[in-house]
Protein backbone atom coordinates (compact mmCIF):
# COMPACT_ATOMS: atom_id res chain seq x y z
CA UNK A 1 -32.59 36.53 -35.99
CA UNK A 2 -30.90 33.79 -37.99
CA UNK A 3 -31.47 33.30 -41.73
CA UNK A 4 -30.21 30.62 -44.14
CA UNK A 5 -29.04 31.62 -47.65
CA UNK A 6 -30.99 29.87 -50.45
CA UNK A 7 -29.79 28.50 -53.80
CA UNK A 8 -31.47 31.48 -55.52
CA UNK A 9 -29.26 34.01 -53.74
CA UNK A 10 -26.68 36.10 -55.59
CA UNK A 11 -23.01 36.09 -54.47
CA UNK A 12 -23.69 38.99 -52.05
CA UNK A 13 -26.65 39.12 -49.66
CA UNK A 14 -27.21 42.01 -47.24
CA UNK A 15 -23.79 43.37 -48.19
CA UNK A 16 -21.95 40.14 -47.36
CA UNK A 17 -20.28 37.57 -49.59
CA UNK A 18 -22.25 34.33 -49.14
CA UNK A 19 -22.73 30.84 -50.50
CA UNK A 20 -25.96 28.79 -50.47
CA UNK A 21 -26.50 27.23 -47.05
CA UNK A 22 -24.63 29.93 -45.10
CA UNK A 23 -26.38 31.21 -41.96
CA UNK A 24 -26.53 34.97 -41.28
CA UNK A 25 -27.51 36.85 -38.14
CA UNK A 26 -29.52 39.86 -39.30
CA UNK A 27 -32.13 42.19 -37.90
CA UNK A 28 -35.60 41.85 -39.38
CA UNK A 29 -35.39 45.20 -41.23
CA UNK A 30 -31.98 44.24 -42.70
CA UNK A 31 -33.33 40.88 -43.91
CA UNK A 32 -36.68 42.11 -45.25
CA UNK A 33 -35.65 42.72 -48.89
CA UNK A 34 -33.65 39.50 -49.10
CA UNK A 35 -36.58 37.49 -47.67
CA UNK A 36 -38.99 39.00 -50.21
CA UNK A 37 -36.53 38.28 -53.04
CA UNK A 38 -36.23 34.64 -51.94
CA UNK A 39 -32.53 34.92 -51.11
CA UNK A 40 -33.03 34.00 -47.43
CA UNK A 41 -35.29 31.78 -45.34
CA UNK A 42 -35.75 32.09 -41.58
CA UNK A 43 -33.96 29.49 -39.49
CA UNK A 44 -36.20 27.54 -37.12
CA UNK A 45 -35.97 28.68 -33.53
CA UNK A 46 -34.29 26.58 -30.86
CA UNK A 47 -36.91 24.00 -29.77
CA UNK A 48 -36.08 24.53 -26.09
CA UNK A 49 -36.66 28.28 -26.41
CA UNK A 50 -39.99 27.72 -28.18
CA UNK A 51 -41.13 25.34 -25.43
CA UNK A 52 -40.27 27.95 -22.78
CA UNK A 53 -42.31 30.60 -24.58
CA UNK A 54 -45.35 28.37 -25.06
CA UNK A 55 -45.41 27.51 -21.35
CA UNK A 56 -45.73 31.19 -20.43
CA UNK A 57 -49.05 32.14 -18.81
CA UNK A 58 -49.08 35.64 -20.30
CA UNK A 59 -49.59 36.25 -24.01
CA UNK A 60 -46.51 37.42 -25.91
CA UNK A 61 -48.28 40.62 -26.98
CA UNK A 62 -50.81 42.33 -24.79
CA UNK A 63 -53.83 43.85 -26.53
CA UNK A 64 -53.96 47.62 -26.71
CA UNK A 65 -56.20 49.34 -24.20
CA UNK A 66 -59.41 50.87 -25.46
CA UNK A 67 -59.60 54.62 -25.44
CA UNK A 68 -62.79 56.35 -24.52
C-alpha cells in the first residue's frame, strides 16, 4: 500500500530517510506505528481500480459460516 509522509514525520520513517511529501510503499503491519504516530497518511487508491471493485457483484469479504 502507498503512504505519504506528513510534515510531522521525523527524518527517518519505517527505517528510511524521508522528507515530507515522499511516498512510500509499505505493508500495513510495517506502516501501522507510523500511521498511529501521524507520520504517514494513506494515499488514495487509483480511481479506476476503485470503480472496478465497486462494480463487482460479490462482496469483498464473505461472511463466516455459522457453526452448529
